[in-house]
């Protein structure tokens, strides 16, 4: 896959994911571990930065910084993925195997962002 195609797919992925934080915040709200404050604010903030990162990787001047930001975001939201895997009863609409696949998927997403954004 060429780098340009990879960047467009990456941007589309994060833009879609970020917009979904605003379209269906309740799903993301449930994923925020209870020990974190202001879960709705965290959902909206992470959605905003996913969209911002998606736009940023498409702009050559901001690509590297946006990639670093997306990697930091992926690391920051990893506790939500762990929470979802440990509390599958709260996410009955999502198959159990998907909840567990999300964990290694974070590593693949980090790798993809790093490769695509340079």
PDB file of N, CA and C in Angstrom:
ATOM      1  N   UNK A   1       0.853  -1.173   0.000  1.00  0.00           N
ATOM      2  CA  UNK A   1       0.000   0.000   0.000  1.00  0.00           C
ATOM      3  C   UNK A   1       0.902   1.239   0.000  1.00  0.00           C
ATOM      4  N   UNK A   2       0.604   2.155  -0.860  1.00  0.00           N
ATOM      5  CA  UNK A   2       1.435   3.352  -0.905  1.00  0.00           C
ATOM      6  C   UNK A   2       1.181   4.204   0.337  1.00  0.00           C
ATOM      7  N   UNK A   3       2.134   5.045   0.611  1.00  0.00           N
ATOM      8  CA  UNK A   3       2.024   5.890   1.804  1.00  0.00           C
ATOM      9  C   UNK A   3       0.830   6.830   1.703  1.00  0.00           C
ATOM     10  N   UNK A   4       0.573   7.345   0.504  1.00  0.00           N
ATOM     11  CA  UNK A   4      -0.537   8.275   0.325  1.00  0.00           C
ATOM     12  C   UNK A   4      -1.873   7.590   0.614  1.00  0.00           C
ATOM     13  N   UNK A   5      -2.050   6.388   0.106  1.00  0.00           N
ATOM     14  CA  UNK A   5      -3.284   5.636   0.369  1.00  0.00           C
ATOM     15  C   UNK A   5      -3.394   5.333   1.854  1.00  0.00           C
ATOM     16  N   UNK A   6      -2.272   4.934   2.448  1.00  0.00           N
ATOM     17  CA  UNK A   6      -2.256   4.629   3.877  1.00  0.00           C
ATOM     18  C   UNK A   6      -2.659   5.850   4.698  1.00  0.00           C
ATOM     19  N   UNK A   7      -2.158   7.013   4.324  1.00  0.00           N
ATOM     20  CA  UNK A   7      -2.505   8.245   5.041  1.00  0.00           C
ATOM     21  C   UNK A   7      -3.987   8.565   4.917  1.00  0.00           C
ATOM     22  N   UNK A   8      -4.539   8.407   3.714  1.00  0.00           N
ATOM     23  CA  UNK A   8      -5.966   8.690   3.521  1.00  0.00           C
ATOM     24  C   UNK A   8      -6.833   7.704   4.302  1.00  0.00           C
ATOM     25  N   UNK A   9      -6.460   6.440   4.300  1.00  0.00           N
ATOM     26  CA  UNK A   9      -7.219   5.449   5.069  1.00  0.00           C
ATOM     27  C   UNK A   9      -7.107   5.721   6.573  1.00  0.00           C
ATOM     28  N   UNK A  10      -5.919   6.063   7.013  1.00  0.00           N
ATOM     29  CA  UNK A  10      -5.700   6.392   8.419  1.00  0.00           C
ATOM     30  C   UNK A  10      -6.545   7.604   8.819  1.00  0.00           C
ATOM     31  N   UNK A  11      -6.526   8.624   7.997  1.00  0.00           N
ATOM     32  CA  UNK A  11      -7.316   9.826   8.284  1.00  0.00           C
ATOM     33  C   UNK A  11      -8.802   9.497   8.308  1.00  0.00           C
ATOM     34  N   UNK A  12      -9.258   8.694   7.366  1.00  0.00           N
ATOM     35  CA  UNK A  12     -10.676   8.322   7.327  1.00  0.00           C
ATOM     36  C   UNK A  12     -11.056   7.531   8.571  1.00  0.00           C
ATOM     37  N   UNK A  13     -10.197   6.608   8.979  1.00  0.00           N
ATOM     38  CA  UNK A  13     -10.447   5.796  10.166  1.00  0.00           C
ATOM     39  C   UNK A  13     -10.599   6.676  11.404  1.00  0.00           C
ATOM     40  N   UNK A  14      -9.638   7.566  11.627  1.00  0.00           N
ATOM     41  CA  UNK A  14      -9.678   8.385  12.838  1.00  0.00           C
ATOM     42  C   UNK A  14     -10.762   9.453  12.771  1.00  0.00           C
ATOM     43  N   UNK A  15     -11.026   9.960  11.589  1.00  0.00           N
ATOM     44  CA  UNK A  15     -12.105  10.939  11.456  1.00  0.00           C
ATOM     45  C   UNK A  15     -13.446  10.276  11.789  1.00  0.00           C
ATOM     46  N   UNK A  16     -13.679   9.087  11.235  1.00  0.00           N
ATOM     47  CA  UNK A  16     -14.913   8.367  11.523  1.00  0.00           C
ATOM     48  C   UNK A  16     -15.025   8.066  13.016  1.00  0.00           C
ATOM     49  N   UNK A  17     -13.944   7.537  13.593  1.00  0.00           N
ATOM     50  CA  UNK A  17     -13.960   7.202  15.017  1.00  0.00           C
ATOM     51  C   UNK A  17     -14.215   8.443  15.863  1.00  0.00           C
ATOM     52  N   UNK A  18     -13.576   9.539  15.520  1.00  0.00           N
ATOM     53  CA  UNK A  18     -13.759  10.775  16.283  1.00  0.00           C
ATOM     54  C   UNK A  18     -15.172  11.319  16.183  1.00  0.00           C
ATOM     55  N   UNK A  19     -15.726  11.306  14.992  1.00  0.00           N
ATOM     56  CA  UNK A  19     -17.098  11.786  14.805  1.00  0.00           C
ATOM     57  C   UNK A  19     -18.074  10.915  15.589  1.00  0.00           C
ATOM     58  N   UNK A  20     -17.817   9.619  15.631  1.00  0.00           N
ATOM     59  CA  UNK A  20     -18.704   8.712  16.370  1.00  0.00           C
ATOM     60  C   UNK A  20     -18.743   9.045  17.865  1.00  0.00           C
ATOM     61  N   UNK A  21     -17.686   9.649  18.390  1.00  0.00           N
ATOM     62  CA  UNK A  21     -17.698  10.079  19.792  1.00  0.00           C
ATOM     63  C   UNK A  21     -18.784  11.116  20.044  1.00  0.00           C
ATOM     64  N   UNK A  22     -19.121  11.872  19.013  1.00  0.00           N
ATOM     65  CA  UNK A  22     -20.158  12.902  19.134  1.00  0.00           C
ATOM     66  C   UNK A  22     -21.533  12.372  18.723  1.00  0.00           C
ATOM     67  N   UNK A  23     -21.559  11.428  17.780  1.00  0.00           N
ATOM     68  CA  UNK A  23     -22.823  10.858  17.300  1.00  0.00           C
ATOM     69  C   UNK A  23     -23.400   9.874  18.311  1.00  0.00           C
ATOM     70  N   UNK A  24     -22.544   9.037  18.896  1.00  0.00           N
ATOM     71  CA  UNK A  24     -22.988   8.012  19.840  1.00  0.00           C
ATOM     72  C   UNK A  24     -22.095   8.031  21.084  1.00  0.00           C
ATOM     73  N   UNK A  25     -22.120   9.121  21.837  1.00  0.00           N
ATOM     74  CA  UNK A  25     -21.210   9.224  22.984  1.00  0.00           C
ATOM     75  C   UNK A  25     -21.495   8.212  24.091  1.00  0.00           C
ATOM     76  N   UNK A  26     -22.715   7.693  24.163  1.00  0.00           N
ATOM     77  CA  UNK A  26     -23.044   6.777  25.259  1.00  0.00           C
ATOM     78  C   UNK A  26     -22.205   5.502  25.203  1.00  0.00           C
ATOM     79  N   UNK A  27     -21.905   5.005  24.010  1.00  0.00           N
ATOM     80  CA  UNK A  27     -21.072   3.803  23.905  1.00  0.00           C
ATOM     81  C   UNK A  27     -19.677   4.076  24.462  1.00  0.00           C
ATOM     82  N   UNK A  28     -19.121   5.211  24.103  1.00  0.00           N
ATOM     83  CA  UNK A  28     -17.785   5.565  24.565  1.00  0.00           C
ATOM     84  C   UNK A  28     -17.794   5.922  26.053  1.00  0.00           C
ATOM     85  N   UNK A  29     -18.877   6.542  26.503  1.00  0.00           N
ATOM     86  CA  UNK A  29     -19.031   6.899  27.914  1.00  0.00           C
ATOM     87  C   UNK A  29     -18.905   5.662  28.791  1.00  0.00           C
ATOM     88  N   UNK A  30     -19.563   4.576  28.385  1.00  0.00           N
ATOM     89  CA  UNK A  30     -19.510   3.330  29.156  1.00  0.00           C
ATOM     90  C   UNK A  30     -18.103   2.743  29.197  1.00  0.00           C
ATOM     91  N   UNK A  31     -17.292   3.064  28.210  1.00  0.00           N
ATOM     92  CA  UNK A  31     -15.946   2.484  28.131  1.00  0.00           C
ATOM     93  C   UNK A  31     -14.953   3.170  29.059  1.00  0.00           C
ATOM     94  N   UNK A  32     -15.283   4.357  29.531  1.00  0.00           N
ATOM     95  CA  UNK A  32     -14.361   5.093  30.405  1.00  0.00           C
ATOM     96  C   UNK A  32     -14.357   4.432  31.783  1.00  0.00           C
ATOM     97  N   UNK A  33     -13.178   4.004  32.244  1.00  0.00           N
ATOM     98  CA  UNK A  33     -13.108   3.393  33.585  1.00  0.00           C
ATOM     99  C   UNK A  33     -13.631   4.344  34.658  1.00  0.00           C
ATOM    100  N   UNK A  34     -14.264   3.772  35.664  1.00  0.00           N
ATOM    101  CA  UNK A  34     -14.921   4.577  36.705  1.00  0.00           C
ATOM    102  C   UNK A  34     -13.941   5.415  37.522  1.00  0.00           C
ATOM    103  N   UNK A  35     -12.678   5.052  37.544  1.00  0.00           N
ATOM    104  CA  UNK A  35     -11.714   5.816  38.340  1.00  0.00           C
ATOM    105  C   UNK A  35     -11.269   7.115  37.643  1.00  0.00           C
ATOM    106  N   UNK A  36     -11.698   7.315  36.394  1.00  0.00           N
ATOM    107  CA  UNK A  36     -11.353   8.548  35.691  1.00  0.00           C
ATOM    108  C   UNK A  36     -12.476   9.574  35.863  1.00  0.00           C
ATOM    109  N   UNK A  37     -12.117  10.836  36.076  1.00  0.00           N
ATOM    110  CA  UNK A  37     -13.144  11.861  36.279  1.00  0.00           C
ATOM    111  C   UNK A  37     -13.753  12.330  34.956  1.00  0.00           C
ATOM    112  N   UNK A  38     -14.954  12.878  35.036  1.00  0.00           N
ATOM    113  CA  UNK A  38     -15.616  13.514  33.905  1.00  0.00           C
ATOM    114  C   UNK A  38     -15.606  12.663  32.629  1.00  0.00           C
ATOM    115  N   UNK A  39     -16.224  11.489  32.673  1.00  0.00           N
ATOM    116  CA  UNK A  39     -16.170  10.600  31.505  1.00  0.00           C
ATOM    117  C   UNK A  39     -16.715  11.215  30.217  1.00  0.00           C
ATOM    118  N   UNK A  40     -17.796  11.986  30.291  1.00  0.00           N
ATOM    119  CA  UNK A  40     -18.328  12.571  29.055  1.00  0.00           C
ATOM    120  C   UNK A  40     -17.355  13.577  28.462  1.00  0.00           C
ATOM    121  N   UNK A  41     -16.713  14.353  29.301  1.00  0.00           N
ATOM    122  CA  UNK A  41     -15.706  15.296  28.802  1.00  0.00           C
ATOM    123  C   UNK A  41     -14.552  14.543  28.145  1.00  0.00           C
ATOM    124  N   UNK A  42     -14.128  13.434  28.754  1.00  0.00           N
ATOM    125  CA  UNK A  42     -13.049  12.633  28.172  1.00  0.00           C
ATOM    126  C   UNK A  42     -13.448  12.062  26.817  1.00  0.00           C
ATOM    127  N   UNK A  43     -14.697  11.631  26.702  1.00  0.00           N
ATOM    128  CA  UNK A  43     -15.190  11.098  25.419  1.00  0.00           C
ATOM    129  C   UNK A  43     -15.137  12.183  24.348  1.00  0.00           C
ATOM    130  N   UNK A  44     -15.637  13.348  24.677  1.00  0.00           N
ATOM    131  CA  UNK A  44     -15.684  14.426  23.691  1.00  0.00           C
ATOM    132  C   UNK A  44     -14.288  14.942  23.346  1.00  0.00           C
ATOM    133  N   UNK A  45     -13.438  15.033  24.336  1.00  0.00           N
ATOM    134  CA  UNK A  45     -12.060  15.489  24.101  1.00  0.00           C
ATOM    135  C   UNK A  45     -11.324  14.490  23.215  1.00  0.00           C
ATOM    136  N   UNK A  46     -11.456  13.199  23.515  1.00  0.00           N
ATOM    137  CA  UNK A  46     -10.755  12.207  22.696  1.00  0.00           C
ATOM    138  C   UNK A  46     -11.304  12.192  21.269  1.00  0.00           C
ATOM    139  N   UNK A  47     -12.611  12.361  21.113  1.00  0.00           N
ATOM    140  CA  UNK A  47     -13.188  12.435  19.773  1.00  0.00           C
ATOM    141  C   UNK A  47     -12.660  13.632  19.003  1.00  0.00           C
ATOM    142  N   UNK A  48     -12.588  14.771  19.674  1.00  0.00           N
ATOM    143  CA  UNK A  48     -12.052  15.982  19.044  1.00  0.00           C
ATOM    144  C   UNK A  48     -10.621  15.754  18.565  1.00  0.00           C
ATOM    145  N   UNK A  49      -9.783  15.143  19.422  1.00  0.00           N
ATOM    146  CA  UNK A  49      -8.384  14.939  19.046  1.00  0.00           C
ATOM    147  C   UNK A  49      -8.213  13.848  17.995  1.00  0.00           C
ATOM    148  N   UNK A  50      -9.150  12.906  17.919  1.00  0.00           N
ATOM    149  CA  UNK A  50      -9.094  11.937  16.823  1.00  0.00           C
ATOM    150  C   UNK A  50      -9.347  12.637  15.491  1.00  0.00           C
ATOM    151  N   UNK A  51     -10.349  13.501  15.453  1.00  0.00           N
ATOM    152  CA  UNK A  51     -10.637  14.249  14.222  1.00  0.00           C
ATOM    153  C   UNK A  51      -9.471  15.184  13.890  1.00  0.00           C
ATOM    154  N   UNK A  52      -8.965  15.889  14.886  1.00  0.00           N
ATOM    155  CA  UNK A  52      -7.839  16.790  14.673  1.00  0.00           C
ATOM    156  C   UNK A  52      -6.616  16.034  14.143  1.00  0.00           C
ATOM    157  N   UNK A  53      -6.339  14.874  14.723  1.00  0.00           N
ATOM    158  CA  UNK A  53      -5.222  14.056  14.256  1.00  0.00           C
ATOM    159  C   UNK A  53      -5.430  13.560  12.837  1.00  0.00           C
ATOM    160  N   UNK A  54      -6.673  13.203  12.516  1.00  0.00           N
ATOM    161  CA  UNK A  54      -6.993  12.744  11.169  1.00  0.00           C
ATOM    162  C   UNK A  54      -6.696  13.833  10.147  1.00  0.00           C
ATOM    163  N   UNK A  55      -7.075  15.045  10.472  1.00  0.00           N
ATOM    164  CA  UNK A  55      -6.803  16.168   9.570  1.00  0.00           C
ATOM    165  C   UNK A  55      -5.297  16.444   9.526  1.00  0.00           C
ATOM    166  N   UNK A  56      -4.676  16.393  10.690  1.00  0.00           N
ATOM    167  CA  UNK A  56      -3.254  16.705  10.787  1.00  0.00           C
ATOM    168  C   UNK A  56      -2.351  15.792   9.996  1.00  0.00           C
ATOM    169  N   UNK A  57      -2.679  14.497   9.922  1.00  0.00           N
ATOM    170  CA  UNK A  57      -1.804  13.588   9.169  1.00  0.00           C
ATOM    171  C   UNK A  57      -1.883  13.829   7.667  1.00  0.00           C
ATOM    172  N   UNK A  58      -2.908  14.530   7.216  1.00  0.00           N
ATOM    173  CA  UNK A  58      -3.040  14.823   5.782  1.00  0.00           C
ATOM    174  C   UNK A  58      -2.251  16.062   5.360  1.00  0.00           C
ATOM    175  N   UNK A  59      -1.835  16.852   6.331  1.00  0.00           N
ATOM    176  CA  UNK A  59      -1.093  18.082   6.043  1.00  0.00           C
ATOM    177  C   UNK A  59       0.388  17.797   6.257  1.00  0.00           C
ATOM    178  N   UNK A  60       1.191  17.866   5.190  1.00  0.00           N
ATOM    179  CA  UNK A  60       2.607  17.509   5.334  1.00  0.00           C
ATOM    180  C   UNK A  60       3.328  18.224   6.477  1.00  0.00           C
ATOM    181  N   UNK A  61       3.020  19.493   6.683  1.00  0.00           N
ATOM    182  CA  UNK A  61       3.711  20.264   7.720  1.00  0.00           C
ATOM    183  C   UNK A  61       3.370  19.807   9.133  1.00  0.00           C
ATOM    184  N   UNK A  62       2.174  19.238   9.322  1.00  0.00           N
ATOM    185  CA  UNK A  62       1.743  18.818  10.658  1.00  0.00           C
ATOM    186  C   UNK A  62       1.718  17.303  10.819  1.00  0.00           C
ATOM    187  N   UNK A  63       2.077  16.579   9.775  1.00  0.00           N
ATOM    188  CA  UNK A  63       1.933  15.115   9.757  1.00  0.00           C
ATOM    189  C   UNK A  63       2.642  14.434  10.928  1.00  0.00           C
ATOM    190  N   UNK A  64       3.895  14.783  11.141  1.00  0.00           N
ATOM    191  CA  UNK A  64       4.656  14.103  12.197  1.00  0.00           C
ATOM    192  C   UNK A  64       4.072  14.407  13.578  1.00  0.00           C
ATOM    193  N   UNK A  65       3.758  15.666  13.841  1.00  0.00           N
ATOM    194  CA  UNK A  65       3.178  16.042  15.133  1.00  0.00           C
ATOM    195  C   UNK A  65       1.816  15.380  15.325  1.00  0.00           C
ATOM    196  N   UNK A  66       1.027  15.338  14.265  1.00  0.00           N
ATOM    197  CA  UNK A  66      -0.284  14.691  14.359  1.00  0.00           C
ATOM    198  C   UNK A  66      -0.123  13.203  14.635  1.00  0.00           C
ATOM    199  N   UNK A  67       0.865  12.585  14.006  1.00  0.00           N
ATOM    200  CA  UNK A  67       1.125  11.160  14.256  1.00  0.00           C
ATOM    201  C   UNK A  67       1.507  10.914  15.707  1.00  0.00           C
ATOM    202  N   UNK A  68       2.369  11.763  16.240  1.00  0.00           N
ATOM    203  CA  UNK A  68       2.758  11.638  17.649  1.00  0.00           C
ATOM    204  C   UNK A  68       1.534  11.817  18.542  1.00  0.00           C
ATOM    205  N   UNK A  69       0.703  12.784  18.201  1.00  0.00           N
ATOM    206  CA  UNK A  69      -0.518  13.012  18.976  1.00  0.00           C
ATOM    207  C   UNK A  69      -1.469  11.824  18.925  1.00  0.00           C
ATOM    208  N   UNK A  70      -1.630  11.236  17.746  1.00  0.00           N
ATOM    209  CA  UNK A  70      -2.517  10.065  17.638  1.00  0.00           C
ATOM    210  C   UNK A  70      -1.957   8.873  18.414  1.00  0.00           C
ATOM    211  N   UNK A  71      -0.648   8.698  18.370  1.00  0.00           N
ATOM    212  CA  UNK A  71      -0.044   7.600  19.145  1.00  0.00           C
ATOM    213  C   UNK A  71      -0.262   7.843  20.637  1.00  0.00           C
ATOM    214  N   UNK A  72      -0.069   9.069  21.087  1.00  0.00           N
ATOM    215  CA  UNK A  72      -0.316   9.389  22.498  1.00  0.00           C
ATOM    216  C   UNK A  72      -1.776   9.140  22.854  1.00  0.00           C
ATOM    217  N   UNK A  73      -2.669   9.486  21.963  1.00  0.00           N
ATOM    218  CA  UNK A  73      -4.096   9.256  22.204  1.00  0.00           C
ATOM    219  C   UNK A  73      -4.404   7.768  22.285  1.00  0.00           C
ATOM    220  N   UNK A  74      -3.818   6.986  21.388  1.00  0.00           N
ATOM    221  CA  UNK A  74      -4.047   5.533  21.422  1.00  0.00           C
ATOM    222  C   UNK A  74      -3.556   4.928  22.734  1.00  0.00           C
ATOM    223  N   UNK A  75      -2.451   5.426  23.232  1.00  0.00           N
ATOM    224  CA  UNK A  75      -1.938   4.950  24.518  1.00  0.00           C
ATOM    225  C   UNK A  75      -2.865   5.410  25.649  1.00  0.00           C
ATOM    226  N   UNK A  76      -3.334   6.648  25.562  1.00  0.00           N
ATOM    227  CA  UNK A  76      -4.186   7.195  26.624  1.00  0.00           C
ATOM    228  C   UNK A  76      -5.529   6.481  26.723  1.00  0.00           C
ATOM    229  N   UNK A  77      -6.063   6.028  25.597  1.00  0.00           N
ATOM    230  CA  UNK A  77      -7.382   5.372  25.633  1.00  0.00           C
ATOM    231  C   UNK A  77      -7.277   3.865  25.856  1.00  0.00           C
ATOM    232  N   UNK A  78      -6.077   3.343  25.941  1.00  0.00           N
ATOM    233  CA  UNK A  78      -5.914   1.900  26.148  1.00  0.00           C
ATOM    234  C   UNK A  78      -6.612   1.407  27.423  1.00  0.00           C
ATOM    235  N   UNK A  79      -6.595   2.154  28.523  1.00  0.00           N
ATOM    236  CA  UNK A  79      -7.340   1.697  29.703  1.00  0.00           C
ATOM    237  C   UNK A  79      -8.834   1.478  29.421  1.00  0.00           C
ATOM    238  N   UNK A  80      -9.407   2.235  28.511  1.00  0.00           N
ATOM    239  CA  UNK A  80     -10.815   2.022  28.149  1.00  0.00           C
ATOM    240  C   UNK A  80     -10.995   0.675  27.470  1.00  0.00           C
ATOM    241  N   UNK A  81     -10.042   0.299  26.627  1.00  0.00           N
ATOM    242  CA  UNK A  81     -10.120  -1.014  25.974  1.00  0.00           C
ATOM    243  C   UNK A  81      -9.986  -2.144  26.997  1.00  0.00           C
ATOM    244  N   UNK A  82      -9.105  -1.959  27.953  1.00  0.00           N
ATOM    245  CA  UNK A  82      -8.957  -2.963  29.013  1.00  0.00           C
ATOM    246  C   UNK A  82     -10.248  -3.041  29.821  1.00  0.00           C
ATOM    247  N   UNK A  83     -10.810  -1.892  30.155  1.00  0.00           N
ATOM    248  CA  UNK A  83     -12.066  -1.850  30.905  1.00  0.00           C
ATOM    249  C   UNK A  83     -13.164  -2.602  30.152  1.00  0.00           C
ATOM    250  N   UNK A  84     -13.249  -2.399  28.856  1.00  0.00           N
ATOM    251  CA  UNK A  84     -14.276  -3.077  28.065  1.00  0.00           C
ATOM    252  C   UNK A  84     -14.073  -4.591  28.081  1.00  0.00           C
ATOM    253  N   UNK A  85     -12.830  -5.033  27.967  1.00  0.00           N
ATOM    254  CA  UNK A  85     -12.551  -6.474  27.969  1.00  0.00           C
ATOM    255  C   UNK A  85     -12.832  -7.103  29.335  1.00  0.00           C
ATOM    256  N   UNK A  86     -12.605  -6.344  30.398  1.00  0.00           N
ATOM    257  CA  UNK A  86     -12.816  -6.870  31.749  1.00  0.00           C
ATOM    258  C   UNK A  86     -14.274  -6.792  32.206  1.00  0.00           C
ATOM    259  N   UNK A  87     -15.083  -5.991  31.511  1.00  0.00           N
ATOM    260  CA  UNK A  87     -16.494  -5.817  31.875  1.00  0.00           C
ATOM    261  C   UNK A  87     -17.394  -6.032  30.659  1.00  0.00           C
ATOM    262  N   UNK A  88     -17.322  -7.207  30.044  1.00  0.00           N
ATOM    263  CA  UNK A  88     -18.083  -7.439  28.807  1.00  0.00           C
ATOM    264  C   UNK A  88     -19.598  -7.336  28.988  1.00  0.00           C
ATOM    265  N   UNK A  89     -20.081  -7.541  30.204  1.00  0.00           N
ATOM    266  CA  UNK A  89     -21.520  -7.461  30.447  1.00  0.00           C
ATOM    267  C   UNK A  89     -22.057  -6.052  30.181  1.00  0.00           C
ATOM    268  N   UNK A  90     -21.205  -5.051  30.279  1.00  0.00           N
ATOM    269  CA  UNK A  90     -21.621  -3.681  30.001  1.00  0.00           C
ATOM    270  C   UNK A  90     -21.675  -3.376  28.504  1.00  0.00           C
ATOM    271  N   UNK A  91     -21.155  -4.304  27.700  1.00  0.00           N
ATOM    272  CA  UNK A  91     -21.062  -4.091  26.255  1.00  0.00           C
ATOM    273  C   UNK A  91     -21.630  -5.288  25.504  1.00  0.00           C
ATOM    274  N   UNK A  92     -22.817  -5.702  25.908  1.00  0.00           N
ATOM    275  CA  UNK A  92     -23.422  -6.910  25.338  1.00  0.00           C
ATOM    276  C   UNK A  92     -23.674  -6.801  23.839  1.00  0.00           C
ATOM    277  N   UNK A  93     -23.727  -5.564  23.328  1.00  0.00           N
ATOM    278  CA  UNK A  93     -23.937  -5.380  21.893  1.00  0.00           C
ATOM    279  C   UNK A  93     -22.676  -5.657  21.074  1.00  0.00           C
ATOM    280  N   UNK A  94     -21.541  -5.792  21.758  1.00  0.00           N
ATOM    281  CA  UNK A  94     -20.269  -6.060  21.089  1.00  0.00           C
ATOM    282  C   UNK A  94     -19.849  -7.494  21.406  1.00  0.00           C
ATOM    283  N   UNK A  95     -19.586  -8.309  20.380  1.00  0.00           N
ATOM    284  CA  UNK A  95     -19.149  -9.692  20.646  1.00  0.00           C
ATOM    285  C   UNK A  95     -17.886  -9.712  21.517  1.00  0.00           C
ATOM    286  N   UNK A  96     -17.829 -10.693  22.398  1.00  0.00           N
ATOM    287  CA  UNK A  96     -16.718 -10.800  23.345  1.00  0.00           C
ATOM    288  C   UNK A  96     -15.365 -10.842  22.638  1.00  0.00           C
ATOM    289  N   UNK A  97     -15.283 -11.574  21.529  1.00  0.00           N
ATOM    290  CA  UNK A  97     -13.998 -11.680  20.843  1.00  0.00           C
ATOM    291  C   UNK A  97     -13.540 -10.306  20.320  1.00  0.00           C
ATOM    292  N   UNK A  98     -14.478  -9.440  19.969  1.00  0.00           N
ATOM    293  CA  UNK A  98     -14.125  -8.096  19.499  1.00  0.00           C
ATOM    294  C   UNK A  98     -13.527  -7.282  20.647  1.00  0.00           C
ATOM    295  N   UNK A  99     -14.098  -7.443  21.834  1.00  0.00           N
ATOM    296  CA  UNK A  99     -13.560  -6.726  22.993  1.00  0.00           C
ATOM    297  C   UNK A  99     -12.114  -7.119  23.255  1.00  0.00           C
ATOM    298  N   UNK A 100     -11.784  -8.388  23.051  1.00  0.00           N
ATOM    299  CA  UNK A 100     -10.411  -8.841  23.268  1.00  0.00           C
ATOM    300  C   UNK A 100      -9.503  -8.509  22.086  1.00  0.00           C
ATOM    301  N   UNK A 101     -10.045  -8.498  20.883  1.00  0.00           N
ATOM    302  CA  UNK A 101      -9.241  -8.143  19.715  1.00  0.00           C
ATOM    303  C   UNK A 101      -8.826  -6.671  19.725  1.00  0.00           C
ATOM    304  N   UNK A 102      -9.611  -5.858  20.403  1.00  0.00           N
ATOM    305  CA  UNK A 102      -9.282  -4.436  20.484  1.00  0.00           C
ATOM    306  C   UNK A 102      -7.940  -4.206  21.178  1.00  0.00           C
ATOM    307  N   UNK A 103      -7.544  -5.100  22.060  1.00  0.00           N
ATOM    308  CA  UNK A 103      -6.302  -4.900  22.815  1.00  0.00           C
ATOM    309  C   UNK A 103      -5.069  -4.955  21.906  1.00  0.00           C
ATOM    310  N   UNK A 104      -4.859  -6.045  21.153  1.00  0.00           N
ATOM    311  CA  UNK A 104      -3.701  -6.028  20.243  1.00  0.00           C
ATOM    312  C   UNK A 104      -3.897  -5.083  19.058  1.00  0.00           C
ATOM    313  N   UNK A 105      -5.149  -4.772  18.739  1.00  0.00           N
ATOM    314  CA  UNK A 105      -5.405  -3.835  17.651  1.00  0.00           C
ATOM    315  C   UNK A 105      -4.788  -2.474  17.947  1.00  0.00           C
ATOM    316  N   UNK A 106      -4.751  -2.085  19.219  1.00  0.00           N
ATOM    317  CA  UNK A 106      -4.129  -0.807  19.580  1.00  0.00           C
ATOM    318  C   UNK A 106      -2.664  -0.781  19.136  1.00  0.00           C
ATOM    319  N   UNK A 107      -1.970  -1.903  19.325  1.00  0.00           N
ATOM    320  CA  UNK A 107      -0.565  -1.959  18.909  1.00  0.00           C
ATOM    321  C   UNK A 107      -0.436  -1.836  17.397  1.00  0.00           C
ATOM    322  N   UNK A 108      -1.326  -2.484  16.668  1.00  0.00           N
ATOM    323  CA  UNK A 108      -1.311  -2.377  15.212  1.00  0.00           C
ATOM    324  C   UNK A 108      -1.636  -0.957  14.753  1.00  0.00           C
ATOM    325  N   UNK A 109      -2.567  -0.315  15.431  1.00  0.00           N
ATOM    326  CA  UNK A 109      -2.896   1.069  15.089  1.00  0.00           C
ATOM    327  C   UNK A 109      -1.707   1.992  15.356  1.00  0.00           C
ATOM    328  N   UNK A 110      -1.030   1.777  16.462  1.00  0.00           N
ATOM    329  CA  UNK A 110       0.161   2.577  16.771  1.00  0.00           C
ATOM    330  C   UNK A 110       1.213   2.390  15.681  1.00  0.00           C
ATOM    331  N   UNK A 111       1.424   1.152  15.286  1.00  0.00           N
ATOM    332  CA  UNK A 111       2.390   0.855  14.223  1.00  0.00           C
ATOM    333  C   UNK A 111       1.972   1.546  12.922  1.00  0.00           C
ATOM    334  N   UNK A 112       0.685   1.459  12.574  1.00  0.00           N
ATOM    335  CA  UNK A 112       0.170   2.070  11.352  1.00  0.00           C
ATOM    336  C   UNK A 112       0.385   3.596  11.379  1.00  0.00           C
ATOM    337  N   UNK A 113       0.040   4.225  12.481  1.00  0.00           N
ATOM    338  CA  UNK A 113       0.215   5.674  12.598  1.00  0.00           C
ATOM    339  C   UNK A 113       1.686   6.033  12.458  1.00  0.00           C
ATOM    340  N   UNK A 114       2.547   5.281  13.120  1.00  0.00           N
ATOM    341  CA  UNK A 114       3.983   5.566  13.061  1.00  0.00           C
ATOM    342  C   UNK A 114       4.505   5.448  11.645  1.00  0.00           C
ATOM    343  N   UNK A 115       4.141   4.372  10.958  1.00  0.00           N
ATOM    344  CA  UNK A 115       4.597   4.165   9.581  1.00  0.00           C
ATOM    345  C   UNK A 115       4.059   5.221   8.622  1.00  0.00           C
ATOM    346  N   UNK A 116       2.779   5.515   8.757  1.00  0.00           N
ATOM    347  CA  UNK A 116       2.149   6.428   7.807  1.00  0.00           C
ATOM    348  C   UNK A 116       2.556   7.884   8.027  1.00  0.00           C
ATOM    349  N   UNK A 117       2.762   8.258   9.284  1.00  0.00           N
ATOM    350  CA  UNK A 117       3.034   9.663   9.569  1.00  0.00           C
ATOM    351  C   UNK A 117       4.524   9.989   9.601  1.00  0.00           C
ATOM    352  N   UNK A 118       5.344   8.959   9.568  1.00  0.00           N
ATOM    353  CA  UNK A 118       6.782   9.178   9.538  1.00  0.00           C
ATOM    354  C   UNK A 118       7.333   9.507  10.886  1.00  0.00           C
TER     355      UNK A 118
END
